[in-house]
Amino acid sequence: MAEALMLLGMGLLVIAALGVLRLPDALSRQHAATKAGTLALGVLLAGVALAGGSLAWALRALGIFVALLATLPIAAHALAQAALREQGEPRPDAAMPQPDEDDDDQAAGGENAGRPPA
């Protein structure tokens, strides 16, 4: 049972690593690393605790898992903030194209009103 848990944990770590390599943006990669990585390490540490065969091994594995649960969300939050800072704030003029003079004439009912733009 312990070996099966450790193999499952390693397989989940490989899947998490593939997510980090294949996903398109920083936030998606961070999500794959933290969520799948936490699950994988939890399963792996459960296998280690069982394979150790003593209470001391189980307590060590539990301590490591508690430390991971305490630190991974903080690290993920810091990485997400850094990724958003790196992207920068969107400029208001970047999303909207600037109107042409012909557009102003059409909006005001000028001589080009009703004609399709050139």
PDB file of N, CA and C in Angstrom:
ATOM      1  N   MET A   1       0.811  -1.192   0.000  1.00  0.00           N
ATOM      2  CA  MET A   1       0.000   0.000   0.000  1.00  0.00           C
ATOM      3  C   MET A   1       0.858   1.261   0.000  1.00  0.00           C
ATOM      4  N   ALA A   2       1.938   1.256   0.794  1.00  0.00           N
ATOM      5  CA  ALA A   2       2.814   2.421   0.883  1.00  0.00           C
ATOM      6  C   ALA A   2       3.484   2.703  -0.460  1.00  0.00           C
ATOM      7  N   GLU A   3       3.932   1.617  -1.113  1.00  0.00           N
ATOM      8  CA  GLU A   3       4.591   1.799  -2.413  1.00  0.00           C
ATOM      9  C   GLU A   3       3.618   2.352  -3.440  1.00  0.00           C
ATOM     10  N   ALA A   4       2.369   1.888  -3.406  1.00  0.00           N
ATOM     11  CA  ALA A   4       1.359   2.374  -4.345  1.00  0.00           C
ATOM     12  C   ALA A   4       1.088   3.858  -4.124  1.00  0.00           C
ATOM     13  N   LEU A   5       1.011   4.294  -2.868  1.00  0.00           N
ATOM     14  CA  LEU A   5       0.799   5.712  -2.581  1.00  0.00           C
ATOM     15  C   LEU A   5       1.976   6.564  -3.054  1.00  0.00           C
ATOM     16  N   MET A   6       3.189   6.064  -2.833  1.00  0.00           N
ATOM     17  CA  MET A   6       4.360   6.823  -3.280  1.00  0.00           C
ATOM     18  C   MET A   6       4.413   6.905  -4.804  1.00  0.00           C
ATOM     19  N   LEU A   7       4.087   5.814  -5.496  1.00  0.00           N
ATOM     20  CA  LEU A   7       4.057   5.848  -6.964  1.00  0.00           C
ATOM     21  C   LEU A   7       2.965   6.780  -7.475  1.00  0.00           C
ATOM     22  N   LEU A   8       1.802   6.763  -6.832  1.00  0.00           N
ATOM     23  CA  LEU A   8       0.732   7.674  -7.218  1.00  0.00           C
ATOM     24  C   LEU A   8       1.150   9.122  -7.005  1.00  0.00           C
ATOM     25  N   GLY A   9       1.801   9.385  -5.881  1.00  0.00           N
ATOM     26  CA  GLY A   9       2.295  10.736  -5.610  1.00  0.00           C
ATOM     27  C   GLY A   9       3.304  11.198  -6.644  1.00  0.00           C
ATOM     28  N   MET A  10       4.200  10.303  -7.031  1.00  0.00           N
ATOM     29  CA  MET A  10       5.184  10.660  -8.055  1.00  0.00           C
ATOM     30  C   MET A  10       4.513  10.901  -9.403  1.00  0.00           C
ATOM     31  N   GLY A  11       3.523  10.088  -9.727  1.00  0.00           N
ATOM     32  CA  GLY A  11       2.783  10.306 -10.977  1.00  0.00           C
ATOM     33  C   GLY A  11       2.058  11.635 -10.986  1.00  0.00           C
ATOM     34  N   LEU A  12       1.454  11.997  -9.856  1.00  0.00           N
ATOM     35  CA  LEU A  12       0.787  13.292  -9.774  1.00  0.00           C
ATOM     36  C   LEU A  12       1.777  14.453  -9.868  1.00  0.00           C
ATOM     37  N   LEU A  13       2.974  14.260  -9.322  1.00  0.00           N
ATOM     38  CA  LEU A  13       4.017  15.298  -9.464  1.00  0.00           C
ATOM     39  C   LEU A  13       4.429  15.474 -10.923  1.00  0.00           C
ATOM     40  N   VAL A  14       4.499  14.373 -11.659  1.00  0.00           N
ATOM     41  CA  VAL A  14       4.821  14.463 -13.094  1.00  0.00           C
ATOM     42  C   VAL A  14       3.716  15.225 -13.831  1.00  0.00           C
ATOM     43  N   ILE A  15       2.464  14.941 -13.491  1.00  0.00           N
ATOM     44  CA  ILE A  15       1.354  15.654 -14.123  1.00  0.00           C
ATOM     45  C   ILE A  15       1.416  17.137 -13.791  1.00  0.00           C
ATOM     46  N   ALA A  16       1.734  17.477 -12.539  1.00  0.00           N
ATOM     47  CA  ALA A  16       1.873  18.881 -12.153  1.00  0.00           C
ATOM     48  C   ALA A  16       3.010  19.550 -12.931  1.00  0.00           C
ATOM     49  N   ALA A  17       4.113  18.833 -13.098  1.00  0.00           N
ATOM     50  CA  ALA A  17       5.237  19.390 -13.856  1.00  0.00           C
ATOM     51  C   ALA A  17       4.861  19.606 -15.319  1.00  0.00           C
ATOM     52  N   LEU A  18       4.112  18.675 -15.890  1.00  0.00           N
ATOM     53  CA  LEU A  18       3.655  18.856 -17.272  1.00  0.00           C
ATOM     54  C   LEU A  18       2.743  20.069 -17.384  1.00  0.00           C
ATOM     55  N   GLY A  19       1.900  20.278 -16.372  1.00  0.00           N
ATOM     56  CA  GLY A  19       1.045  21.465 -16.369  1.00  0.00           C
ATOM     57  C   GLY A  19       1.854  22.741 -16.333  1.00  0.00           C
ATOM     58  N   VAL A  20       2.923  22.749 -15.554  1.00  0.00           N
ATOM     59  CA  VAL A  20       3.787  23.927 -15.493  1.00  0.00           C
ATOM     60  C   VAL A  20       4.437  24.186 -16.851  1.00  0.00           C
ATOM     61  N   LEU A  21       4.812  23.121 -17.541  1.00  0.00           N
ATOM     62  CA  LEU A  21       5.478  23.283 -18.837  1.00  0.00           C
ATOM     63  C   LEU A  21       4.508  23.625 -19.969  1.00  0.00           C
ATOM     64  N   ARG A  22       3.277  23.132 -19.904  1.00  0.00           N
ATOM     65  CA  ARG A  22       2.367  23.228 -21.043  1.00  0.00           C
ATOM     66  C   ARG A  22       1.356  24.365 -20.972  1.00  0.00           C
ATOM     67  N   LEU A  23       1.029  24.846 -19.783  1.00  0.00           N
ATOM     68  CA  LEU A  23      -0.028  25.851 -19.676  1.00  0.00           C
ATOM     69  C   LEU A  23       0.459  27.209 -20.177  1.00  0.00           C
ATOM     70  N   PRO A  24      -0.469  28.029 -20.700  1.00  0.00           N
ATOM     71  CA  PRO A  24      -0.066  29.207 -21.467  1.00  0.00           C
ATOM     72  C   PRO A  24       0.432  30.402 -20.654  1.00  0.00           C
ATOM     73  N   ASP A  25      -0.144  30.675 -19.504  1.00  0.00           N
ATOM     74  CA  ASP A  25       0.252  31.901 -18.808  1.00  0.00           C
ATOM     75  C   ASP A  25       0.714  31.588 -17.380  1.00  0.00           C
ATOM     76  N   ALA A  26       1.270  32.600 -16.752  1.00  0.00           N
ATOM     77  CA  ALA A  26       1.887  32.420 -15.438  1.00  0.00           C
ATOM     78  C   ALA A  26       0.875  31.998 -14.383  1.00  0.00           C
ATOM     79  N   LEU A  27      -0.323  32.555 -14.424  1.00  0.00           N
ATOM     80  CA  LEU A  27      -1.307  32.209 -13.405  1.00  0.00           C
ATOM     81  C   LEU A  27      -1.773  30.763 -13.544  1.00  0.00           C
ATOM     82  N   SER A  28      -1.932  30.283 -14.753  1.00  0.00           N
ATOM     83  CA  SER A  28      -2.320  28.888 -14.960  1.00  0.00           C
ATOM     84  C   SER A  28      -1.207  27.945 -14.520  1.00  0.00           C
ATOM     85  N   ARG A  29       0.024  28.305 -14.838  1.00  0.00           N
ATOM     86  CA  ARG A  29       1.158  27.465 -14.422  1.00  0.00           C
ATOM     87  C   ARG A  29       1.286  27.428 -12.906  1.00  0.00           C
ATOM     88  N   GLN A  30       1.080  28.573 -12.276  1.00  0.00           N
ATOM     89  CA  GLN A  30       1.140  28.637 -10.821  1.00  0.00           C
ATOM     90  C   GLN A  30       0.045  27.783 -10.207  1.00  0.00           C
ATOM     91  N   HIS A  31      -1.131  27.783 -10.811  1.00  0.00           N
ATOM     92  CA  HIS A  31      -2.237  26.971 -10.316  1.00  0.00           C
ATOM     93  C   HIS A  31      -1.883  25.481 -10.399  1.00  0.00           C
ATOM     94  N   ALA A  32      -1.313  25.065 -11.514  1.00  0.00           N
ATOM     95  CA  ALA A  32      -0.929  23.659 -11.675  1.00  0.00           C
ATOM     96  C   ALA A  32       0.133  23.262 -10.657  1.00  0.00           C
ATOM     97  N   ALA A  33       1.075  24.139 -10.440  1.00  0.00           N
ATOM     98  CA  ALA A  33       2.162  23.812  -9.516  1.00  0.00           C
ATOM     99  C   ALA A  33       1.669  23.704  -8.084  1.00  0.00           C
ATOM    100  N   THR A  34       0.793  24.601  -7.659  1.00  0.00           N
ATOM    101  CA  THR A  34       0.395  24.592  -6.256  1.00  0.00           C
ATOM    102  C   THR A  34      -0.690  23.566  -5.960  1.00  0.00           C
ATOM    103  N   LYS A  35      -1.734  23.507  -6.769  1.00  0.00           N
ATOM    104  CA  LYS A  35      -2.847  22.597  -6.466  1.00  0.00           C
ATOM    105  C   LYS A  35      -2.454  21.137  -6.678  1.00  0.00           C
ATOM    106  N   ALA A  36      -1.973  20.823  -7.858  1.00  0.00           N
ATOM    107  CA  ALA A  36      -1.585  19.436  -8.126  1.00  0.00           C
ATOM    108  C   ALA A  36      -0.357  19.043  -7.310  1.00  0.00           C
ATOM    109  N   GLY A  37       0.541  19.985  -7.106  1.00  0.00           N
ATOM    110  CA  GLY A  37       1.733  19.692  -6.315  1.00  0.00           C
ATOM    111  C   GLY A  37       1.398  19.394  -4.862  1.00  0.00           C
ATOM    112  N   THR A  38       0.448  20.122  -4.289  1.00  0.00           N
ATOM    113  CA  THR A  38       0.047  19.870  -2.903  1.00  0.00           C
ATOM    114  C   THR A  38      -0.592  18.493  -2.767  1.00  0.00           C
ATOM    115  N   LEU A  39      -1.478  18.157  -3.687  1.00  0.00           N
ATOM    116  CA  LEU A  39      -2.107  16.837  -3.649  1.00  0.00           C
ATOM    117  C   LEU A  39      -1.055  15.735  -3.808  1.00  0.00           C
ATOM    118  N   ALA A  40      -0.159  15.919  -4.769  1.00  0.00           N
ATOM    119  CA  ALA A  40       0.864  14.910  -5.021  1.00  0.00           C
ATOM    120  C   ALA A  40       1.768  14.707  -3.804  1.00  0.00           C
ATOM    121  N   LEU A  41       2.192  15.802  -3.200  1.00  0.00           N
ATOM    122  CA  LEU A  41       3.070  15.670  -2.036  1.00  0.00           C
ATOM    123  C   LEU A  41       2.334  15.083  -0.843  1.00  0.00           C
ATOM    124  N   GLY A  42       1.050  15.386  -0.704  1.00  0.00           N
ATOM    125  CA  GLY A  42       0.268  14.780   0.368  1.00  0.00           C
ATOM    126  C   GLY A  42       0.177  13.271   0.222  1.00  0.00           C
ATOM    127  N   VAL A  43      -0.098  12.813  -1.006  1.00  0.00           N
ATOM    128  CA  VAL A  43      -0.179  11.374  -1.258  1.00  0.00           C
ATOM    129  C   VAL A  43       1.194  10.726  -1.075  1.00  0.00           C
ATOM    130  N   LEU A  44       2.227  11.367  -1.566  1.00  0.00           N
ATOM    131  CA  LEU A  44       3.585  10.834  -1.420  1.00  0.00           C
ATOM    132  C   LEU A  44       3.983  10.737   0.052  1.00  0.00           C
ATOM    133  N   LEU A  45       3.679  11.770   0.821  1.00  0.00           N
ATOM    134  CA  LEU A  45       4.027  11.750   2.242  1.00  0.00           C
ATOM    135  C   LEU A  45       3.201  10.730   3.018  1.00  0.00           C
ATOM    136  N   ALA A  46       1.967  10.481   2.592  1.00  0.00           N
ATOM    137  CA  ALA A  46       1.184   9.417   3.232  1.00  0.00           C
ATOM    138  C   ALA A  46       1.858   8.068   2.996  1.00  0.00           C
ATOM    139  N   GLY A  47       2.366   7.858   1.785  1.00  0.00           N
ATOM    140  CA  GLY A  47       3.106   6.625   1.495  1.00  0.00           C
ATOM    141  C   GLY A  47       4.374   6.522   2.302  1.00  0.00           C
ATOM    142  N   VAL A  48       5.085   7.639   2.449  1.00  0.00           N
ATOM    143  CA  VAL A  48       6.315   7.642   3.251  1.00  0.00           C
ATOM    144  C   VAL A  48       6.000   7.320   4.703  1.00  0.00           C
ATOM    145  N   ALA A  49       4.898   7.893   5.218  1.00  0.00           N
ATOM    146  CA  ALA A  49       4.524   7.633   6.613  1.00  0.00           C
ATOM    147  C   ALA A  49       4.211   6.150   6.820  1.00  0.00           C
ATOM    148  N   LEU A  50       3.527   5.545   5.857  1.00  0.00           N
ATOM    149  CA  LEU A  50       3.224   4.115   5.971  1.00  0.00           C
ATOM    150  C   LEU A  50       4.473   3.252   5.798  1.00  0.00           C
ATOM    151  N   ALA A  51       5.342   3.656   4.879  1.00  0.00           N
ATOM    152  CA  ALA A  51       6.556   2.871   4.634  1.00  0.00           C
ATOM    153  C   ALA A  51       7.522   2.953   5.810  1.00  0.00           C
ATOM    154  N   GLY A  52       7.503   4.090   6.517  1.00  0.00           N
ATOM    155  CA  GLY A  52       8.397   4.234   7.668  1.00  0.00           C
ATOM    156  C   GLY A  52       8.098   3.234   8.767  1.00  0.00           C
ATOM    157  N   GLY A  53       6.846   2.908   8.943  1.00  0.00           N
ATOM    158  CA  GLY A  53       6.477   1.867   9.886  1.00  0.00           C
ATOM    159  C   GLY A  53       6.472   2.262  11.344  1.00  0.00           C
ATOM    160  N   SER A  54       6.770   3.494  11.669  1.00  0.00           N
ATOM    161  CA  SER A  54       6.757   3.887  13.074  1.00  0.00           C
ATOM    162  C   SER A  54       6.042   5.230  13.227  1.00  0.00           C
ATOM    163  N   LEU A  55       5.702   5.530  14.452  1.00  0.00           N
ATOM    164  CA  LEU A  55       5.034   6.795  14.748  1.00  0.00           C
ATOM    165  C   LEU A  55       5.942   7.980  14.431  1.00  0.00           C
ATOM    166  N   ALA A  56       7.241   7.817  14.642  1.00  0.00           N
ATOM    167  CA  ALA A  56       8.187   8.906  14.363  1.00  0.00           C
ATOM    168  C   ALA A  56       8.150   9.297  12.887  1.00  0.00           C
ATOM    169  N   TRP A  57       8.130   8.311  11.997  1.00  0.00           N
ATOM    170  CA  TRP A  57       8.056   8.599  10.560  1.00  0.00           C
ATOM    171  C   TRP A  57       6.735   9.272  10.202  1.00  0.00           C
ATOM    172  N   ALA A  58       5.655   8.784  10.783  1.00  0.00           N
ATOM    173  CA  ALA A  58       4.343   9.371  10.514  1.00  0.00           C
ATOM    174  C   ALA A  58       4.287  10.816  10.985  1.00  0.00           C
ATOM    175  N   LEU A  59       4.862  11.106  12.145  1.00  0.00           N
ATOM    176  CA  LEU A  59       4.865  12.489  12.646  1.00  0.00           C
ATOM    177  C   LEU A  59       5.740  13.398  11.793  1.00  0.00           C
ATOM    178  N   ARG A  60       6.850  12.879  11.325  1.00  0.00           N
ATOM    179  CA  ARG A  60       7.707  13.667  10.426  1.00  0.00           C
ATOM    180  C   ARG A  60       6.975  14.006   9.129  1.00  0.00           C
ATOM    181  N   ALA A  61       6.341  12.999   8.547  1.00  0.00           N
ATOM    182  CA  ALA A  61       5.597  13.234   7.302  1.00  0.00           C
ATOM    183  C   ALA A  61       4.453  14.207   7.537  1.00  0.00           C
ATOM    184  N   LEU A  62       3.769  14.089   8.652  1.00  0.00           N
ATOM    185  CA  LEU A  62       2.682  15.006   8.978  1.00  0.00           C
ATOM    186  C   LEU A  62       3.211  16.421   9.167  1.00  0.00           C
ATOM    187  N   GLY A  63       4.346  16.562   9.823  1.00  0.00           N
ATOM    188  CA  GLY A  63       4.958  17.882  10.005  1.00  0.00           C
ATOM    189  C   GLY A  63       5.334  18.529   8.685  1.00  0.00           C
ATOM    190  N   ILE A  64       5.882  17.744   7.782  1.00  0.00           N
ATOM    191  CA  ILE A  64       6.234  18.266   6.464  1.00  0.00           C
ATOM    192  C   ILE A  64       4.981  18.703   5.720  1.00  0.00           C
ATOM    193  N   PHE A  65       3.920  17.886   5.799  1.00  0.00           N
ATOM    194  CA  PHE A  65       2.683  18.222   5.091  1.00  0.00           C
ATOM    195  C   PHE A  65       2.031  19.477   5.672  1.00  0.00           C
ATOM    196  N   VAL A  66       2.041  19.619   6.984  1.00  0.00           N
ATOM    197  CA  VAL A  66       1.489  20.831   7.605  1.00  0.00           C
ATOM    198  C   VAL A  66       2.296  22.060   7.182  1.00  0.00           C
ATOM    199  N   ALA A  67       3.612  21.929   7.136  1.00  0.00           N
ATOM    200  CA  ALA A  67       4.450  23.046   6.681  1.00  0.00           C
ATOM    201  C   ALA A  67       4.129  23.414   5.228  1.00  0.00           C
ATOM    202  N   LEU A  68       3.906  22.396   4.380  1.00  0.00           N
ATOM    203  CA  LEU A  68       3.531  22.670   2.989  1.00  0.00           C
ATOM    204  C   LEU A  68       2.181  23.365   2.904  1.00  0.00           C
ATOM    205  N   LEU A  69       1.219  22.901   3.689  1.00  0.00           N
ATOM    206  CA  LEU A  69      -0.107  23.523   3.672  1.00  0.00           C
ATOM    207  C   LEU A  69      -0.063  24.966   4.171  1.00  0.00           C
ATOM    208  N   ALA A  70       0.884  25.267   5.050  1.00  0.00           N
ATOM    209  CA  ALA A  70       1.002  26.626   5.567  1.00  0.00           C
ATOM    210  C   ALA A  70       1.736  27.549   4.607  1.00  0.00           C
ATOM    211  N   THR A  71       2.690  27.026   3.853  1.00  0.00           N
ATOM    212  CA  THR A  71       3.524  27.894   3.026  1.00  0.00           C
ATOM    213  C   THR A  71       3.118  27.967   1.560  1.00  0.00           C
ATOM    214  N   LEU A  72       2.561  26.909   1.000  1.00  0.00           N
ATOM    215  CA  LEU A  72       2.227  26.925  -0.426  1.00  0.00           C
ATOM    216  C   LEU A  72       1.180  27.969  -0.806  1.00  0.00           C
ATOM    217  N   PRO A  73       0.117  28.174  -0.045  1.00  0.00           N
ATOM    218  CA  PRO A  73      -0.822  29.233  -0.425  1.00  0.00           C
ATOM    219  C   PRO A  73      -0.194  30.627  -0.395  1.00  0.00           C
ATOM    220  N   ILE A  74       0.695  30.858   0.560  1.00  0.00           N
ATOM    221  CA  ILE A  74       1.363  32.160   0.641  1.00  0.00           C
ATOM    222  C   ILE A  74       2.284  32.347  -0.559  1.00  0.00           C
ATOM    223  N   ALA A  75       3.027  31.314  -0.912  1.00  0.00           N
ATOM    224  CA  ALA A  75       3.911  31.392  -2.079  1.00  0.00           C
ATOM    225  C   ALA A  75       3.106  31.568  -3.359  1.00  0.00           C
ATOM    226  N   ALA A  76       1.983  30.868  -3.476  1.00  0.00           N
ATOM    227  CA  ALA A  76       1.145  31.001  -4.669  1.00  0.00           C
ATOM    228  C   ALA A  76       0.587  32.414  -4.782  1.00  0.00           C
ATOM    229  N   HIS A  77       0.177  32.985  -3.662  1.00  0.00           N
ATOM    230  CA  HIS A  77      -0.348  34.349  -3.675  1.00  0.00           C
ATOM    231  C   HIS A  77       0.734  35.345  -4.086  1.00  0.00           C
ATOM    232  N   ALA A  78       1.933  35.173  -3.563  1.00  0.00           N
ATOM    233  CA  ALA A  78       3.042  36.067  -3.923  1.00  0.00           C
ATOM    234  C   ALA A  78       3.385  35.946  -5.406  1.00  0.00           C
ATOM    235  N   LEU A  79       3.386  34.728  -5.930  1.00  0.00           N
ATOM    236  CA  LEU A  79       3.664  34.538  -7.353  1.00  0.00           C
ATOM    237  C   LEU A  79       2.570  35.154  -8.226  1.00  0.00           C
ATOM    238  N   ALA A  80       1.325  35.018  -7.817  1.00  0.00           N
ATOM    239  CA  ALA A  80       0.229  35.600  -8.587  1.00  0.00           C
ATOM    240  C   ALA A  80       0.316  37.122  -8.595  1.00  0.00           C
ATOM    241  N   GLN A  81       0.640  37.716  -7.455  1.00  0.00           N
ATOM    242  CA  GLN A  81       0.797  39.166  -7.417  1.00  0.00           C
ATOM    243  C   GLN A  81       1.948  39.620  -8.306  1.00  0.00           C
ATOM    244  N   ALA A  82       3.048  38.900  -8.281  1.00  0.00           N
ATOM    245  CA  ALA A  82       4.191  39.258  -9.129  1.00  0.00           C
ATOM    246  C   ALA A  82       3.837  39.131 -10.605  1.00  0.00           C
ATOM    247  N   ALA A  83       3.085  38.097 -10.967  1.00  0.00           N
ATOM    248  CA  ALA A  83       2.692  37.922 -12.367  1.00  0.00           C
ATOM    249  C   ALA A  83       1.768  39.046 -12.814  1.00  0.00           C
ATOM    250  N   LEU A  84       0.844  39.433 -11.959  1.00  0.00           N
ATOM    251  CA  LEU A  84      -0.052  40.536 -12.316  1.00  0.00           C
ATOM    252  C   LEU A  84       0.704  41.855 -12.407  1.00  0.00           C
ATOM    253  N   ARG A  85       1.660  42.072 -11.508  1.00  0.00           N
ATOM    254  CA  ARG A  85       2.468  43.285 -11.572  1.00  0.00           C
ATOM    255  C   ARG A  85       3.294  43.320 -12.849  1.00  0.00           C
ATOM    256  N   GLU A  86       3.809  42.166 -13.258  1.00  0.00           N
ATOM    257  CA  GLU A  86       4.629  42.080 -14.465  1.00  0.00           C
ATOM    258  C   GLU A  86       3.803  42.394 -15.708  1.00  0.00           C
ATOM    259  N   GLN A  87       2.546  41.959 -15.725  1.00  0.00           N
ATOM    260  CA  GLN A  87       1.676  42.244 -16.862  1.00  0.00           C
ATOM    261  C   GLN A  87       1.354  43.719 -16.929  1.00  0.00           C
ATOM    262  N   GLY A  88       1.304  44.393 -15.818  1.00  0.00           N
ATOM    263  CA  GLY A  88       1.012  45.811 -15.780  1.00  0.00           C
ATOM    264  C   GLY A  88      -0.476  46.084 -15.908  1.00  0.00           C
ATOM    265  N   GLU A  89      -0.825  47.313 -15.611  1.00  0.00           N
ATOM    266  CA  GLU A  89      -2.216  47.731 -15.728  1.00  0.00           C
ATOM    267  C   GLU A  89      -2.540  47.981 -17.194  1.00  0.00           C
ATOM    268  N   PRO A  90      -3.721  47.560 -17.639  1.00  0.00           N
ATOM    269  CA  PRO A  90      -4.084  47.844 -19.025  1.00  0.00           C
ATOM    270  C   PRO A  90      -4.294  49.343 -19.223  1.00  0.00           C
ATOM    271  N   ARG A  91      -3.795  49.840 -20.344  1.00  0.00           N
ATOM    272  CA  ARG A  91      -3.980  51.260 -20.657  1.00  0.00           C
ATOM    273  C   ARG A  91      -5.399  51.463 -21.172  1.00  0.00           C
ATOM    274  N   PRO A  92      -6.052  52.537 -20.763  1.00  0.00           N
ATOM    275  CA  PRO A  92      -7.425  52.749 -21.232  1.00  0.00           C
ATOM    276  C   PRO A  92      -7.502  52.967 -22.740  1.00  0.00           C
ATOM    277  N   ASP A  93      -6.487  53.569 -23.337  1.00  0.00           N
ATOM    278  CA  ASP A  93      -6.541  53.836 -24.774  1.00  0.00           C
ATOM    279  C   ASP A  93      -6.110  52.635 -25.613  1.00  0.00           C
ATOM    280  N   ALA A  94      -5.557  51.611 -24.984  1.00  0.00           N
ATOM    281  CA  ALA A  94      -5.099  50.447 -25.741  1.00  0.00           C
ATOM    282  C   ALA A  94      -6.268  49.586 -26.198  1.00  0.00           C
ATOM    283  N   ALA A  95      -7.343  49.547 -25.437  1.00  0.00           N
ATOM    284  CA  ALA A  95      -8.459  48.670 -25.772  1.00  0.00           C
ATOM    285  C   ALA A  95      -9.369  49.275 -26.838  1.00  0.00           C
ATOM    286  N   MET A  96      -9.452  50.583 -26.884  1.00  0.00           N
ATOM    287  CA  MET A  96     -10.363  51.247 -27.813  1.00  0.00           C
ATOM    288  C   MET A  96      -9.555  51.940 -28.915  1.00  0.00           C
ATOM    289  N   PRO A  97      -9.893  51.688 -30.174  1.00  0.00           N
ATOM    290  CA  PRO A  97      -9.202  52.406 -31.246  1.00  0.00           C
ATOM    291  C   PRO A  97      -9.626  53.872 -31.243  1.00  0.00           C
ATOM    292  N   GLN A  98      -8.712  54.709 -31.674  1.00  0.00           N
ATOM    293  CA  GLN A  98      -9.008  56.133 -31.749  1.00  0.00           C
ATOM    294  C   GLN A  98      -9.916  56.405 -32.950  1.00  0.00           C
ATOM    295  N   PRO A  99     -10.937  57.247 -32.770  1.00  0.00           N
ATOM    296  CA  PRO A  99     -11.851  57.522 -33.888  1.00  0.00           C
ATOM    297  C   PRO A  99     -11.181  58.362 -34.964  1.00  0.00           C
ATOM    298  N   ASP A 100     -11.589  58.125 -36.210  1.00  0.00           N
ATOM    299  CA  ASP A 100     -11.125  58.935 -37.340  1.00  0.00           C
ATOM    300  C   ASP A 100     -12.005  60.170 -37.454  1.00  0.00           C
ATOM    301  N   GLU A 101     -11.576  61.096 -38.316  1.00  0.00           N
ATOM    302  CA  GLU A 101     -12.406  62.275 -38.560  1.00  0.00           C
ATOM    303  C   GLU A 101     -13.736  61.878 -39.178  1.00  0.00           C
ATOM    304  N   ASP A 102     -13.733  60.861 -40.063  1.00  0.00           N
ATOM    305  CA  ASP A 102     -14.969  60.411 -40.699  1.00  0.00           C
ATOM    306  C   ASP A 102     -15.956  59.897 -39.654  1.00  0.00           C
ATOM    307  N   ASP A 103     -15.440  59.230 -38.625  1.00  0.00           N
ATOM    308  CA  ASP A 103     -16.314  58.737 -37.566  1.00  0.00           C
ATOM    309  C   ASP A 103     -16.986  59.891 -36.844  1.00  0.00           C
ATOM    310  N   ASP A 104     -16.227  60.993 -36.639  1.00  0.00           N
ATOM    311  CA  ASP A 104     -16.808  62.153 -35.971  1.00  0.00           C
ATOM    312  C   ASP A 104     -17.911  62.768 -36.827  1.00  0.00           C
ATOM    313  N   ASP A 105     -17.691  62.822 -38.150  1.00  0.00           N
ATOM    314  CA  ASP A 105     -18.711  63.374 -39.040  1.00  0.00           C
ATOM    315  C   ASP A 105     -19.981  62.539 -38.984  1.00  0.00           C
ATOM    316  N   GLN A 106     -19.839  61.230 -38.987  1.00  0.00           N
ATOM    317  CA  GLN A 106     -21.009  60.362 -38.964  1.00  0.00           C
ATOM    318  C   GLN A 106     -21.758  60.504 -37.649  1.00  0.00           C
ATOM    319  N   ALA A 107     -21.036  60.591 -36.553  1.00  0.00           N
ATOM    320  CA  ALA A 107     -21.680  60.703 -35.254  1.00  0.00           C
ATOM    321  C   ALA A 107     -22.389  62.044 -35.118  1.00  0.00           C
ATOM    322  N   ALA A 108     -21.837  63.096 -35.716  1.00  0.00           N
ATOM    323  CA  ALA A 108     -22.424  64.428 -35.599  1.00  0.00           C
ATOM    324  C   ALA A 108     -23.449  64.699 -36.701  1.00  0.00           C
ATOM    325  N   GLY A 109     -23.640  63.773 -37.626  1.00  0.00           N
ATOM    326  CA  GLY A 109     -24.590  63.999 -38.717  1.00  0.00           C
ATOM    327  C   GLY A 109     -24.027  64.906 -39.793  1.00  0.00           C
ATOM    328  N   GLY A 110     -22.694  64.928 -39.957  1.00  0.00           N
ATOM    329  CA  GLY A 110     -22.040  65.783 -40.943  1.00  0.00           C
ATOM    330  C   GLY A 110     -22.254  65.270 -42.354  1.00  0.00           C
ATOM    331  N   GLU A 111     -21.442  65.805 -43.286  1.00  0.00           N
ATOM    332  CA  GLU A 111     -21.636  65.481 -44.706  1.00  0.00           C
ATOM    333  C   GLU A 111     -21.391  64.022 -45.030  1.00  0.00           C
ATOM    334  N   ASN A 112     -20.613  63.307 -44.203  1.00  0.00           N
ATOM    335  CA  ASN A 112     -20.347  61.887 -44.445  1.00  0.00           C
ATOM    336  C   ASN A 112     -21.321  60.973 -43.712  1.00  0.00           C
ATOM    337  N   ALA A 113     -22.321  61.548 -43.071  1.00  0.00           N
ATOM    338  CA  ALA A 113     -23.267  60.724 -42.317  1.00  0.00           C
ATOM    339  C   ALA A 113     -24.018  59.792 -43.260  1.00  0.00           C
ATOM    340  N   GLY A 114     -24.140  58.547 -42.899  1.00  0.00           N
ATOM    341  CA  GLY A 114     -24.853  57.575 -43.715  1.00  0.00           C
ATOM    342  C   GLY A 114     -23.993  56.855 -44.718  1.00  0.00           C
ATOM    343  N   ARG A 115     -22.810  57.359 -45.000  1.00  0.00           N
ATOM    344  CA  ARG A 115     -21.918  56.700 -45.947  1.00  0.00           C
ATOM    345  C   ARG A 115     -21.037  55.717 -45.179  1.00  0.00           C
ATOM    346  N   PRO A 116     -20.736  54.593 -45.825  1.00  0.00           N
ATOM    347  CA  PRO A 116     -19.820  53.673 -45.141  1.00  0.00           C
ATOM    348  C   PRO A 116     -18.421  54.261 -45.050  1.00  0.00           C
ATOM    349  N   PRO A 117     -17.695  53.933 -43.992  1.00  0.00           N
ATOM    350  CA  PRO A 117     -16.323  54.453 -43.877  1.00  0.00           C
ATOM    351  C   PRO A 117     -15.442  53.954 -45.000  1.00  0.00           C
ATOM    352  N   ALA A 118     -14.497  54.778 -45.400  1.00  0.00           N
ATOM    353  CA  ALA A 118     -13.607  54.431 -46.506  1.00  0.00           C
ATOM    354  C   ALA A 118     -12.563  53.442 -46.098  1.00  0.00           C
TER     355      ALA A 118
END
